[in-house]
PDB file of N, CA and C in Angstrom:
ATOM      1  N   MET A   1     -21.880 -40.905 -11.132  1.00  0.00           N
ATOM      2  CA  MET A   1     -20.871 -40.149 -10.666  1.00  0.00           C
ATOM      3  C   MET A   1     -20.600 -41.139  -9.168  1.00  0.00           C
ATOM      4  N   LYS A   2     -22.017 -41.431  -8.840  1.00  0.00           N
ATOM      5  CA  LYS A   2     -21.993 -42.063  -7.360  1.00  0.00           C
ATOM      6  C   LYS A   2     -21.172 -43.090  -7.599  1.00  0.00           C
ATOM      7  N   ALA A   3     -21.262 -44.346  -8.373  1.00  0.00           N
ATOM      8  CA  ALA A   3     -20.657 -45.662  -8.657  1.00  0.00           C
ATOM      9  C   ALA A   3     -19.422 -45.334  -8.978  1.00  0.00           C
ATOM     10  N   LYS A   4     -19.010 -44.275  -9.799  1.00  0.00           N
ATOM     11  CA  LYS A   4     -17.179 -43.950  -9.673  1.00  0.00           C
ATOM     12  C   LYS A   4     -16.725 -43.655  -8.624  1.00  0.00           C
ATOM     13  N   VAL A   5     -17.370 -42.831  -7.600  1.00  0.00           N
ATOM     14  CA  VAL A   5     -16.745 -42.579  -6.209  1.00  0.00           C
ATOM     15  C   VAL A   5     -16.474 -43.747  -5.345  1.00  0.00           C
ATOM     16  N   ALA A   6     -17.771 -44.727  -5.735  1.00  0.00           N
ATOM     17  CA  ALA A   6     -17.699 -45.779  -4.911  1.00  0.00           C
ATOM     18  C   ALA A   6     -16.647 -46.890  -5.293  1.00  0.00           C
ATOM     19  N   ALA A   7     -16.532 -46.977  -6.693  1.00  0.00           N
ATOM     20  CA  ALA A   7     -15.215 -47.751  -7.281  1.00  0.00           C
ATOM     21  C   ALA A   7     -13.902 -47.451  -6.759  1.00  0.00           C
ATOM     22  N   VAL A   8     -13.575 -45.917  -6.808  1.00  0.00           N
ATOM     23  CA  VAL A   8     -12.109 -45.769  -6.596  1.00  0.00           C
ATOM     24  C   VAL A   8     -12.230 -45.614  -4.865  1.00  0.00           C
ATOM     25  N   LEU A   9     -13.313 -45.603  -4.143  1.00  0.00           N
ATOM     26  CA  LEU A   9     -13.065 -45.745  -2.386  1.00  0.00           C
ATOM     27  C   LEU A   9     -12.889 -47.285  -2.376  1.00  0.00           C
ATOM     28  N   LEU A  10     -13.789 -48.047  -3.063  1.00  0.00           N
ATOM     29  CA  LEU A  10     -13.219 -49.675  -2.994  1.00  0.00           C
ATOM     30  C   LEU A  10     -11.944 -49.817  -3.195  1.00  0.00           C
ATOM     31  N   THR A  11     -11.433 -49.668  -4.330  1.00  0.00           N
ATOM     32  CA  THR A  11     -10.285 -49.586  -4.802  1.00  0.00           C
ATOM     33  C   THR A  11      -9.000 -49.563  -4.000  1.00  0.00           C
ATOM     34  N   LEU A  12      -9.187 -48.063  -3.060  1.00  0.00           N
ATOM     35  CA  LEU A  12      -8.517 -47.623  -2.231  1.00  0.00           C
ATOM     36  C   LEU A  12      -8.663 -48.427  -1.010  1.00  0.00           C
ATOM     37  N   GLY A  13      -9.634 -49.030  -0.660  1.00  0.00           N
ATOM     38  CA  GLY A  13      -9.676 -49.678   0.524  1.00  0.00           C
ATOM     39  C   GLY A  13      -8.944 -51.080   0.509  1.00  0.00           C
ATOM     40  N   LEU A  14      -9.415 -51.478  -0.472  1.00  0.00           N
ATOM     41  CA  LEU A  14      -8.563 -52.921  -1.326  1.00  0.00           C
ATOM     42  C   LEU A  14      -6.971 -52.539  -0.974  1.00  0.00           C
ATOM     43  N   GLY A  15      -6.644 -51.744  -1.605  1.00  0.00           N
ATOM     44  CA  GLY A  15      -5.226 -51.562  -1.733  1.00  0.00           C
ATOM     45  C   GLY A  15      -4.405 -51.427  -0.343  1.00  0.00           C
ATOM     46  N   SER A  16      -5.252 -50.598   0.420  1.00  0.00           N
ATOM     47  CA  SER A  16      -4.649 -50.543   1.671  1.00  0.00           C
ATOM     48  C   SER A  16      -4.526 -51.658   2.649  1.00  0.00           C
ATOM     49  N   THR A  17      -5.510 -52.349   2.068  1.00  0.00           N
ATOM     50  CA  THR A  17      -5.679 -53.635   3.179  1.00  0.00           C
ATOM     51  C   THR A  17      -4.515 -54.532   2.521  1.00  0.00           C
ATOM     52  N   CYS A  18      -4.201 -54.811   1.282  1.00  0.00           N
ATOM     53  CA  CYS A  18      -3.192 -55.248   0.500  1.00  0.00           C
ATOM     54  C   CYS A  18      -1.736 -55.135   1.272  1.00  0.00           C
ATOM     55  N   TRP A  19      -1.494 -53.274   1.134  1.00  0.00           N
ATOM     56  CA  TRP A  19      -0.483 -52.976   1.949  1.00  0.00           C
ATOM     57  C   TRP A  19      -0.301 -53.287   3.136  1.00  0.00           C
ATOM     58  N   ALA A  20      -0.898 -53.149   3.937  1.00  0.00           N
ATOM     59  CA  ALA A  20      -1.168 -53.732   5.440  1.00  0.00           C
ATOM     60  C   ALA A  20      -0.373 -55.132   5.601  1.00  0.00           C
ATOM     61  N   GLN A  21      -1.024 -56.023   4.521  1.00  0.00           N
ATOM     62  CA  GLN A  21      -0.657 -57.546   4.938  1.00  0.00           C
ATOM     63  C   GLN A  21       0.613 -57.386   4.783  1.00  0.00           C
ATOM     64  N   ASP A  22       1.330 -56.830   3.612  1.00  0.00           N
ATOM     65  CA  ASP A  22       2.514 -57.211   3.238  1.00  0.00           C
ATOM     66  C   ASP A  22       3.510 -56.506   4.326  1.00  0.00           C
ATOM     67  N   ALA A  23       3.068 -55.568   4.936  1.00  0.00           N
ATOM     68  CA  ALA A  23       3.817 -54.847   6.425  1.00  0.00           C
ATOM     69  C   ALA A  23       3.868 -55.932   7.519  1.00  0.00           C
ATOM     70  N   GLU A  24       2.622 -56.860   7.245  1.00  0.00           N
ATOM     71  CA  GLU A  24       2.648 -57.531   8.871  1.00  0.00           C
ATOM     72  C   GLU A  24       3.775 -59.063   8.165  1.00  0.00           C
ATOM     73  N   LYS A  25       3.849 -59.341   6.732  1.00  0.00           N
ATOM     74  CA  LYS A  25       4.914 -60.540   6.580  1.00  0.00           C
ATOM     75  C   LYS A  25       5.996 -60.087   6.845  1.00  0.00           C
ATOM     76  N   LYS A  26       6.598 -58.545   6.641  1.00  0.00           N
ATOM     77  CA  LYS A  26       7.904 -57.902   6.953  1.00  0.00           C
ATOM     78  C   LYS A  26       8.196 -57.804   8.311  1.00  0.00           C
ATOM     79  N   SER A  27       7.411 -57.996   8.899  1.00  0.00           N
ATOM     80  CA  SER A  27       7.553 -57.596  10.306  1.00  0.00           C
ATOM     81  C   SER A  27       8.161 -58.956  11.328  1.00  0.00           C
ATOM     82  N   VAL A  28       8.317 -60.107  10.481  1.00  0.00           N
ATOM     83  CA  VAL A  28       8.671 -61.439  11.066  1.00  0.00           C
ATOM     84  C   VAL A  28      10.004 -61.153  11.530  1.00  0.00           C
ATOM     85  N   PRO A  29      10.531 -61.572  12.432  1.00  0.00           N
ATOM     86  CA  PRO A  29      11.810 -61.221  13.352  1.00  0.00           C
ATOM     87  C   PRO A  29      12.871 -62.068  12.673  1.00  0.00           C
ATOM     88  N   THR A  30      14.053 -61.296  12.094  1.00  0.00           N
ATOM     89  CA  THR A  30      14.821 -61.917  11.369  1.00  0.00           C
ATOM     90  C   THR A  30      15.464 -63.067  12.012  1.00  0.00           C
ATOM     91  N   ALA A  31      15.719 -63.023  13.360  1.00  0.00           N
ATOM     92  CA  ALA A  31      16.400 -64.033  13.890  1.00  0.00           C
ATOM     93  C   ALA A  31      15.560 -65.624  13.630  1.00  0.00           C
ATOM     94  N   GLU A  32      14.360 -65.218  14.004  1.00  0.00           N
ATOM     95  CA  GLU A  32      13.507 -66.688  13.619  1.00  0.00           C
ATOM     96  C   GLU A  32      13.407 -67.126  12.495  1.00  0.00           C
ATOM     97  N   CYS A  33      13.486 -65.937  11.265  1.00  0.00           N
ATOM     98  CA  CYS A  33      13.688 -66.592   9.877  1.00  0.00           C
ATOM     99  C   CYS A  33      14.885 -67.174   9.390  1.00  0.00           C
ATOM    100  N   THR A  34      15.982 -66.715  10.202  1.00  0.00           N
ATOM    101  CA  THR A  34      17.176 -67.421   9.547  1.00  0.00           C
ATOM    102  C   THR A  34      17.970 -68.520  10.345  1.00  0.00           C
ATOM    103  N   LYS A  35      17.234 -68.736  11.267  1.00  0.00           N
ATOM    104  CA  LYS A  35      17.543 -70.033  12.496  1.00  0.00           C
ATOM    105  C   LYS A  35      16.957 -71.299  11.344  1.00  0.00           C
ATOM    106  N   THR A  36      18.060 -72.450  11.234  1.00  0.00           N
ATOM    107  CA  THR A  36      17.723 -73.625  10.592  1.00  0.00           C
ATOM    108  C   THR A  36      18.271 -74.696  11.528  1.00  0.00           C
ATOM    109  N   ILE A  37      17.140 -75.206  12.105  1.00  0.00           N
ATOM    110  CA  ILE A  37      17.447 -76.513  13.166  1.00  0.00           C
ATOM    111  C   ILE A  37      16.818 -77.952  12.456  1.00  0.00           C
ATOM    112  N   ARG A  38      17.850 -78.480  12.077  1.00  0.00           N
ATOM    113  CA  ARG A  38      17.437 -80.036  11.463  1.00  0.00           C
ATOM    114  C   ARG A  38      16.788 -80.766  12.577  1.00  0.00           C
ATOM    115  N   VAL A  39      15.318 -80.956  12.245  1.00  0.00           N
ATOM    116  CA  VAL A  39      14.695 -82.390  13.478  1.00  0.00           C
ATOM    117  C   VAL A  39      14.703 -83.446  12.945  1.00  0.00           C
ATOM    118  N   HIS A  40      15.051 -84.026  11.616  1.00  0.00           N
ATOM    119  CA  HIS A  40      14.994 -84.897  11.020  1.00  0.00           C
ATOM    120  C   HIS A  40      15.742 -85.483   9.650  1.00  0.00           C
ATOM    121  N   GLY A  41      16.654 -86.641  10.050  1.00  0.00           N
ATOM    122  CA  GLY A  41      17.621 -86.854   9.025  1.00  0.00           C
ATOM    123  C   GLY A  41      18.975 -86.854   9.699  1.00  0.00           C
ATOM    124  N   LEU A  42      19.761 -87.819   9.497  1.00  0.00           N
ATOM    125  CA  LEU A  42      21.154 -87.877   9.844  1.00  0.00           C
ATOM    126  C   LEU A  42      21.907 -88.062   8.891  1.00  0.00           C
ATOM    127  N   VAL A  43      22.969 -87.910   8.902  1.00  0.00           N
ATOM    128  CA  VAL A  43      24.313 -87.880   7.809  1.00  0.00           C
ATOM    129  C   VAL A  43      24.255 -89.517   7.761  1.00  0.00           C
ATOM    130  N   PRO A  44      24.200 -89.937   6.472  1.00  0.00           N
ATOM    131  CA  PRO A  44      23.999 -91.449   5.888  1.00  0.00           C
ATOM    132  C   PRO A  44      25.288 -91.923   6.547  1.00  0.00           C
ATOM    133  N   LYS A  45      24.708 -93.123   6.869  1.00  0.00           N
ATOM    134  CA  LYS A  45      25.611 -94.121   7.528  1.00  0.00           C
ATOM    135  C   LYS A  45      26.074 -95.355   6.536  1.00  0.00           C
ATOM    136  N   GLY A  46      27.192 -95.822   6.441  1.00  0.00           N
ATOM    137  CA  GLY A  46      27.098 -96.813   5.460  1.00  0.00           C
ATOM    138  C   GLY A  46      26.682 -98.459   5.687  1.00  0.00           C
ATOM    139  N   PRO A  47      26.834 -99.578   5.432  1.00  0.00           N
ATOM    140  CA  PRO A  47      27.692 -99.427   4.247  1.00  0.00           C
ATOM    141  C   PRO A  47      27.166 -98.886   2.699  1.00  0.00           C
ATOM    142  N   PHE A  48      28.242 -98.162   1.844  1.00  0.00           N
ATOM    143  CA  PHE A  48      27.629 -97.871   1.072  1.00  0.00           C
ATOM    144  C   PHE A  48      28.197 -98.696  -0.344  1.00  0.00           C
ATOM    145  N   LYS A  49      27.277 -98.857  -1.774  1.00  0.00           N
ATOM    146  CA  LYS A  49      27.631 -99.560  -2.374  1.00  0.00           C
ATOM    147  C   LYS A  49      28.540 -98.847  -3.535  1.00  0.00           C
ATOM    148  N   PHE A  50      29.797 -99.638  -3.920  1.00  0.00           N
ATOM    149  CA  PHE A  50      30.795 -98.681  -4.824  1.00  0.00           C
ATOM    150  C   PHE A  50      30.427 -99.711  -5.919  1.00  0.00           C
ATOM    151  N   LEU A  51      30.345 -99.026  -7.052  1.00  0.00           N
ATOM    152  CA  LEU A  51      30.166 -99.691  -8.488  1.00  0.00           C
ATOM    153  C   LEU A  51      31.499 -99.607  -8.528  1.00  0.00           C
ATOM    154  N   PRO A  52      31.610-100.713  -9.681  1.00  0.00           N
ATOM    155  CA  PRO A  52      33.075-100.670 -10.371  1.00  0.00           C
ATOM    156  C   PRO A  52      33.785 -99.118 -10.590  1.00  0.00           C
ATOM    157  N   LYS A  53      34.859 -98.839 -10.856  1.00  0.00           N
ATOM    158  CA  LYS A  53      35.576 -97.699 -11.079  1.00  0.00           C
ATOM    159  C   LYS A  53      35.087 -96.675 -10.215  1.00  0.00           C
ATOM    160  N   GLU A  54      34.588 -96.775  -8.812  1.00  0.00           N
ATOM    161  CA  GLU A  54      34.176 -95.768  -8.059  1.00  0.00           C
ATOM    162  C   GLU A  54      35.013 -95.788  -7.073  1.00  0.00           C
ATOM    163  N   SER A  55      35.526 -94.599  -6.674  1.00  0.00           N
ATOM    164  CA  SER A  55      36.202 -94.451  -5.490  1.00  0.00           C
ATOM    165  C   SER A  55      36.196 -93.211  -4.837  1.00  0.00           C
ATOM    166  N   TYR A  56      35.943 -93.434  -3.665  1.00  0.00           N
ATOM    167  CA  TYR A  56      35.568 -91.874  -2.652  1.00  0.00           C
ATOM    168  C   TYR A  56      36.862 -90.832  -2.594  1.00  0.00           C
ATOM    169  N   LYS A  57      36.421 -89.790  -3.420  1.00  0.00           N
ATOM    170  CA  LYS A  57      37.379 -88.840  -3.270  1.00  0.00           C
ATOM    171  C   LYS A  57      37.282 -87.663  -2.282  1.00  0.00           C
ATOM    172  N   GLY A  58      36.170 -87.259  -1.629  1.00  0.00           N
ATOM    173  CA  GLY A  58      36.093 -86.623  -0.716  1.00  0.00           C
ATOM    174  C   GLY A  58      34.701 -86.185  -0.250  1.00  0.00           C
ATOM    175  N   SER A  59      34.434 -85.133   0.423  1.00  0.00           N
ATOM    176  CA  SER A  59      32.963 -84.927   0.949  1.00  0.00           C
ATOM    177  C   SER A  59      32.428 -84.176  -0.014  1.00  0.00           C
ATOM    178  N   PRO A  60      31.065 -84.849  -0.166  1.00  0.00           N
ATOM    179  CA  PRO A  60      29.965 -84.234  -1.232  1.00  0.00           C
ATOM    180  C   PRO A  60      29.689 -82.742  -0.735  1.00  0.00           C
ATOM    181  N   LEU A  61      29.592 -81.829  -1.792  1.00  0.00           N
ATOM    182  CA  LEU A  61      28.855 -80.403  -1.537  1.00  0.00           C
ATOM    183  C   LEU A  61      27.644 -80.371  -2.129  1.00  0.00           C
ATOM    184  N   ILE A  62      26.663 -80.218  -1.257  1.00  0.00           N
ATOM    185  CA  ILE A  62      25.043 -80.066  -1.931  1.00  0.00           C
ATOM    186  C   ILE A  62      24.543 -78.817  -1.642  1.00  0.00           C
ATOM    187  N   LYS A  63      23.654 -78.269  -2.449  1.00  0.00           N
ATOM    188  CA  LYS A  63      23.196 -76.806  -2.690  1.00  0.00           C
ATOM    189  C   LYS A  63      21.751 -77.177  -2.453  1.00  0.00           C
ATOM    190  N   TYR A  64      20.755 -76.797  -1.732  1.00  0.00           N
ATOM    191  CA  TYR A  64      19.720 -76.776  -1.541  1.00  0.00           C
ATOM    192  C   TYR A  64      18.715 -75.881  -0.796  1.00  0.00           C
ATOM    193  N   GLN A  65      17.482 -76.029  -0.730  1.00  0.00           N
ATOM    194  CA  GLN A  65      16.578 -75.414   0.030  1.00  0.00           C
ATOM    195  C   GLN A  65      15.910 -75.383   0.955  1.00  0.00           C
ATOM    196  N   ILE A  66      15.571 -74.732   1.928  1.00  0.00           N
ATOM    197  CA  ILE A  66      14.839 -74.958   2.891  1.00  0.00           C
ATOM    198  C   ILE A  66      13.544 -74.062   3.032  1.00  0.00           C
ATOM    199  N   GLN A  67      12.616 -74.675   3.058  1.00  0.00           N
ATOM    200  CA  GLN A  67      11.174 -74.308   2.819  1.00  0.00           C
ATOM    201  C   GLN A  67      10.903 -73.640   4.134  1.00  0.00           C
ATOM    202  N   GLU A  68       9.849 -72.865   4.058  1.00  0.00           N
ATOM    203  CA  GLU A  68       9.261 -72.185   5.593  1.00  0.00           C
ATOM    204  C   GLU A  68       8.754 -73.279   6.579  1.00  0.00           C
ATOM    205  N   ASP A  69       7.972 -74.486   5.862  1.00  0.00           N
ATOM    206  CA  ASP A  69       7.557 -75.673   6.417  1.00  0.00           C
ATOM    207  C   ASP A  69       8.707 -76.647   6.760  1.00  0.00           C
ATOM    208  N   GLY A  70      10.023 -76.191   6.538  1.00  0.00           N
ATOM    209  CA  GLY A  70      11.128 -77.108   6.992  1.00  0.00           C
ATOM    210  C   GLY A  70      11.402 -78.574   6.000  1.00  0.00           C
ATOM    211  N   THR A  71      10.896 -78.323   4.655  1.00  0.00           N
ATOM    212  CA  THR A  71      11.035 -79.247   4.125  1.00  0.00           C
ATOM    213  C   THR A  71      12.548 -78.814   3.338  1.00  0.00           C
ATOM    214  N   VAL A  72      13.171 -80.056   2.398  1.00  0.00           N
ATOM    215  CA  VAL A  72      14.009 -79.728   2.068  1.00  0.00           C
ATOM    216  C   VAL A  72      13.638 -79.906   0.395  1.00  0.00           C
ATOM    217  N   SER A  73      14.236 -78.525  -0.638  1.00  0.00           N
ATOM    218  CA  SER A  73      13.704 -79.057  -1.929  1.00  0.00           C
ATOM    219  C   SER A  73      15.134 -78.369  -2.757  1.00  0.00           C
ATOM    220  N   ASN A  74      14.845 -78.901  -4.188  1.00  0.00           N
ATOM    221  CA  ASN A  74      15.699 -78.569  -4.946  1.00  0.00           C
ATOM    222  C   ASN A  74      17.521 -78.823  -4.714  1.00  0.00           C
ATOM    223  N   ALA A  75      17.366 -79.851  -3.907  1.00  0.00           N
ATOM    224  CA  ALA A  75      18.661 -80.125  -3.886  1.00  0.00           C
ATOM    225  C   ALA A  75      19.495 -80.448  -4.786  1.00  0.00           C
ATOM    226  N   THR A  76      20.589 -80.099  -5.013  1.00  0.00           N
ATOM    227  CA  THR A  76      21.464 -80.305  -6.187  1.00  0.00           C
ATOM    228  C   THR A  76      23.299 -80.410  -5.843  1.00  0.00           C
ATOM    229  N   LEU A  77      23.634 -81.399  -6.161  1.00  0.00           N
ATOM    230  CA  LEU A  77      25.161 -81.870  -6.275  1.00  0.00           C
ATOM    231  C   LEU A  77      25.702 -80.939  -6.839  1.00  0.00           C
ATOM    232  N   THR A  78      26.870 -80.281  -6.107  1.00  0.00           N
ATOM    233  CA  THR A  78      27.629 -79.224  -6.517  1.00  0.00           C
ATOM    234  C   THR A  78      29.075 -79.790  -6.702  1.00  0.00           C
ATOM    235  N   ARG A  79      29.252 -80.784  -5.775  1.00  0.00           N
ATOM    236  CA  ARG A  79      30.612 -81.222  -5.785  1.00  0.00           C
ATOM    237  C   ARG A  79      30.329 -82.980  -5.146  1.00  0.00           C
ATOM    238  N   SER A  80      30.598 -83.759  -5.887  1.00  0.00           N
ATOM    239  CA  SER A  80      30.552 -85.234  -6.057  1.00  0.00           C
ATOM    240  C   SER A  80      31.703 -85.642  -5.039  1.00  0.00           C
ATOM    241  N   SER A  81      31.136 -86.680  -4.261  1.00  0.00           N
ATOM    242  CA  SER A  81      31.996 -87.780  -3.372  1.00  0.00           C
ATOM    243  C   SER A  81      32.817 -88.530  -4.333  1.00  0.00           C
ATOM    244  N   GLY A  82      32.800 -88.999  -5.538  1.00  0.00           N
ATOM    245  CA  GLY A  82      32.913 -89.990  -6.414  1.00  0.00           C
ATOM    246  C   GLY A  82      32.179 -91.349  -6.105  1.00  0.00           C
ATOM    247  N   VAL A  83      31.432 -91.380  -5.039  1.00  0.00           N
ATOM    248  CA  VAL A  83      30.428 -92.436  -5.165  1.00  0.00           C
ATOM    249  C   VAL A  83      29.018 -92.194  -4.989  1.00  0.00           C
ATOM    250  N   ALA A  84      28.241 -92.872  -6.269  1.00  0.00           N
ATOM    251  CA  ALA A  84      27.155 -92.693  -6.256  1.00  0.00           C
ATOM    252  C   ALA A  84      25.959 -92.372  -5.207  1.00  0.00           C
ATOM    253  N   ASP A  85      26.307 -93.955  -4.810  1.00  0.00           N
ATOM    254  CA  ASP A  85      25.687 -93.956  -3.577  1.00  0.00           C
ATOM    255  C   ASP A  85      25.399 -93.057  -2.295  1.00  0.00           C
ATOM    256  N   ILE A  86      26.552 -92.701  -2.201  1.00  0.00           N
ATOM    257  CA  ILE A  86      26.843 -91.506  -1.047  1.00  0.00           C
ATOM    258  C   ILE A  86      26.199 -90.162  -1.287  1.00  0.00           C
ATOM    259  N   ASP A  87      26.455 -89.929  -2.749  1.00  0.00           N
ATOM    260  CA  ASP A  87      25.800 -88.602  -3.303  1.00  0.00           C
ATOM    261  C   ASP A  87      24.311 -88.622  -3.004  1.00  0.00           C
ATOM    262  N   LYS A  88      23.787 -89.766  -3.315  1.00  0.00           N
ATOM    263  CA  LYS A  88      22.185 -89.964  -3.620  1.00  0.00           C
ATOM    264  C   LYS A  88      21.711 -90.024  -1.922  1.00  0.00           C
ATOM    265  N   LYS A  89      22.424 -90.407  -1.296  1.00  0.00           N
ATOM    266  CA  LYS A  89      21.869 -90.440   0.207  1.00  0.00           C
ATOM    267  C   LYS A  89      21.946 -89.305   1.189  1.00  0.00           C
ATOM    268  N   ALA A  90      23.071 -88.336   0.766  1.00  0.00           N
ATOM    269  CA  ALA A  90      23.250 -87.117   1.408  1.00  0.00           C
ATOM    270  C   ALA A  90      22.168 -86.436   2.095  1.00  0.00           C
ATOM    271  N   VAL A  91      21.055 -86.177   1.375  1.00  0.00           N
ATOM    272  CA  VAL A  91      20.201 -85.275   2.259  1.00  0.00           C
ATOM    273  C   VAL A  91      19.074 -85.767   2.151  1.00  0.00           C
ATOM    274  N   ALA A  92      18.989 -87.045   1.580  1.00  0.00           N
ATOM    275  CA  ALA A  92      17.455 -88.077   1.503  1.00  0.00           C
ATOM    276  C   ALA A  92      16.834 -87.690   2.926  1.00  0.00           C
ATOM    277  N   ARG A  93      15.608 -87.019   2.888  1.00  0.00           N
ATOM    278  CA  ARG A  93      14.827 -87.274   4.017  1.00  0.00           C
ATOM    279  C   ARG A  93      15.067 -86.308   4.817  1.00  0.00           C
ATOM    280  N   TRP A  94      15.656 -85.217   4.831  1.00  0.00           N
ATOM    281  CA  TRP A  94      15.867 -83.908   5.661  1.00  0.00           C
ATOM    282  C   TRP A  94      14.717 -83.129   5.972  1.00  0.00           C
ATOM    283  N   LYS A  95      14.583 -83.011   7.227  1.00  0.00           N
ATOM    284  CA  LYS A  95      13.434 -81.821   7.833  1.00  0.00           C
ATOM    285  C   LYS A  95      13.938 -81.182   8.797  1.00  0.00           C
ATOM    286  N   TYR A  96      13.855 -79.631   8.534  1.00  0.00           N
ATOM    287  CA  TYR A  96      14.230 -78.745   9.439  1.00  0.00           C
ATOM    288  C   TYR A  96      12.598 -78.147  10.214  1.00  0.00           C
ATOM    289  N   LYS A  97      12.902 -77.504  11.431  1.00  0.00           N
ATOM    290  CA  LYS A  97      12.049 -77.183  11.934  1.00  0.00           C
ATOM    291  C   LYS A  97      11.173 -75.799  11.235  1.00  0.00           C
ATOM    292  N   PRO A  98       9.661 -76.011  11.247  1.00  0.00           N
ATOM    293  CA  PRO A  98       9.482 -74.603  10.542  1.00  0.00           C
ATOM    294  C   PRO A  98       9.493 -73.581  11.210  1.00  0.00           C
ATOM    295  N   ARG A  99       9.537 -72.252  10.089  1.00  0.00           N
ATOM    296  CA  ARG A  99       9.927 -71.383  10.571  1.00  0.00           C
ATOM    297  C   ARG A  99       8.526 -70.271  10.029  1.00  0.00           C
ATOM    298  N   PRO A 100       8.366 -68.987  11.011  1.00  0.00           N
ATOM    299  CA  PRO A 100       7.262 -68.132  10.886  1.00  0.00           C
ATOM    300  C   PRO A 100       6.513 -68.037   9.167  1.00  0.00           C
ATOM    301  N   VAL A 101       5.689 -67.826   9.100  1.00  0.00           N
ATOM    302  CA  VAL A 101       5.121 -67.764   7.754  1.00  0.00           C
ATOM    303  C   VAL A 101       5.693 -66.354   7.317  1.00  0.00           C
ATOM    304  N   GLY A 102       6.295 -66.247   6.120  1.00  0.00           N
ATOM    305  CA  GLY A 102       6.902 -64.669   5.803  1.00  0.00           C
ATOM    306  C   GLY A 102       8.373 -64.726   5.698  1.00  0.00           C
ATOM    307  N   CYS A 103       8.724 -65.575   6.121  1.00  0.00           N
ATOM    308  CA  CYS A 103      10.176 -65.816   6.256  1.00  0.00           C
ATOM    309  C   CYS A 103      10.868 -66.260   4.727  1.00  0.00           C
ATOM    310  N   GLY A 104      10.173 -66.842   3.978  1.00  0.00           N
ATOM    311  CA  GLY A 104      10.714 -67.111   2.815  1.00  0.00           C
ATOM    312  C   GLY A 104      11.714 -68.662   2.832  1.00  0.00           C
ATOM    313  N   VAL A 105      12.229 -69.053   1.484  1.00  0.00           N
ATOM    314  CA  VAL A 105      13.131 -69.844   1.339  1.00  0.00           C
ATOM    315  C   VAL A 105      14.495 -69.800   1.839  1.00  0.00           C
ATOM    316  N   ILE A 106      15.012 -70.411   2.349  1.00  0.00           N
ATOM    317  CA  ILE A 106      16.573 -70.423   2.586  1.00  0.00           C
ATOM    318  C   ILE A 106      17.440 -71.233   2.026  1.00  0.00           C
ATOM    319  N   GLU A 107      18.489 -70.348   1.119  1.00  0.00           N
ATOM    320  CA  GLU A 107      19.147 -71.017   0.360  1.00  0.00           C
ATOM    321  C   GLU A 107      20.747 -71.381   0.677  1.00  0.00           C
ATOM    322  N   THR A 108      21.028 -72.891   0.975  1.00  0.00           N
ATOM    323  CA  THR A 108      22.119 -73.182   1.793  1.00  0.00           C
ATOM    324  C   THR A 108      22.854 -73.913   0.661  1.00  0.00           C
ATOM    325  N   GLU A 109      24.161 -74.233   1.586  1.00  0.00           N
ATOM    326  CA  GLU A 109      24.990 -75.423   0.830  1.00  0.00           C
ATOM    327  C   GLU A 109      25.883 -76.039   2.028  1.00  0.00           C
ATOM    328  N   MET A 110      25.929 -77.074   1.747  1.00  0.00           N
ATOM    329  CA  MET A 110      26.526 -78.103   3.010  1.00  0.00           C
ATOM    330  C   MET A 110      27.395 -79.151   2.412  1.00  0.00           C
ATOM    331  N   SER A 111      28.595 -79.150   3.179  1.00  0.00           N
ATOM    332  CA  SER A 111      29.452 -80.386   2.919  1.00  0.00           C
ATOM    333  C   SER A 111      29.470 -81.273   3.675  1.00  0.00           C
ATOM    334  N   LEU A 112      29.264 -82.414   3.624  1.00  0.00           N
ATOM    335  CA  LEU A 112      28.948 -83.708   4.251  1.00  0.00           C
ATOM    336  C   LEU A 112      30.626 -84.466   4.712  1.00  0.00           C
ATOM    337  N   THR A 113      31.014 -84.442   5.865  1.00  0.00           N
ATOM    338  CA  THR A 113      32.118 -85.564   6.220  1.00  0.00           C
ATOM    339  C   THR A 113      31.804 -86.678   7.015  1.00  0.00           C
ATOM    340  N   PHE A 114      32.291 -87.587   6.461  1.00  0.00           N
ATOM    341  CA  PHE A 114      32.014 -88.684   7.260  1.00  0.00           C
ATOM    342  C   PHE A 114      32.720 -90.019   6.590  1.00  0.00           C
ATOM    343  N   ASP A 115      32.905 -90.704   7.356  1.00  0.00           N
ATOM    344  CA  ASP A 115      33.805 -91.905   6.860  1.00  0.00           C
ATOM    345  C   ASP A 115      33.193 -93.011   5.959  1.00  0.00           C
ATOM    346  N   PRO A 116      33.335 -92.934   4.837  1.00  0.00           N
ATOM    347  CA  PRO A 116      32.673 -94.271   3.474  1.00  0.00           C
ATOM    348  C   PRO A 116      32.659 -95.595   4.126  1.00  0.00           C
ATOM    349  N   LEU A 117      33.653 -96.023   4.898  1.00  0.00           N
ATOM    350  CA  LEU A 117      33.692 -97.227   5.118  1.00  0.00           C
ATOM    351  C   LEU A 117      32.963 -97.671   6.175  1.00  0.00           C
ATOM    352  N   MET A 118      32.560 -96.640   6.969  1.00  0.00           N
ATOM    353  CA  MET A 118      31.841 -96.945   8.511  1.00  0.00           C
ATOM    354  C   MET A 118      31.016 -97.740   8.038  1.00  0.00           C
ATOM    355  N   LYS A 119      30.472 -98.575   9.081  1.00  0.00           N
ATOM    356  CA  LYS A 119      29.303 -99.380   8.985  1.00  0.00           C
ATOM    357  C   LYS A 119      28.469 -99.315  10.008  1.00  0.00           C
TER     358      LYS A 119
END
């Protein structure tokens, strides 16, 4: 009987500790979680390689995720510029300022406007 009571008390104790940790994670200030400050990586500059039959059609649109540590992941091209070299370099090596633990991932989308002929 004492073993069952001890097991129940242990379970309740561990459960309340987990709930308390979840409550701490949710108390992260919202403003700090939504702030995205790019600290590394610029909009790519030319010259760019234009393959045969490629022409610049407009600004590429890139959808990507910003992790809590500031790294960029899961970048996908949702609208091509018409030039593979521009599209490939659009978000390469970008890094954002890290955010507090518990903020989670930010999903964002960005259109890059620049002159493809600029050197």
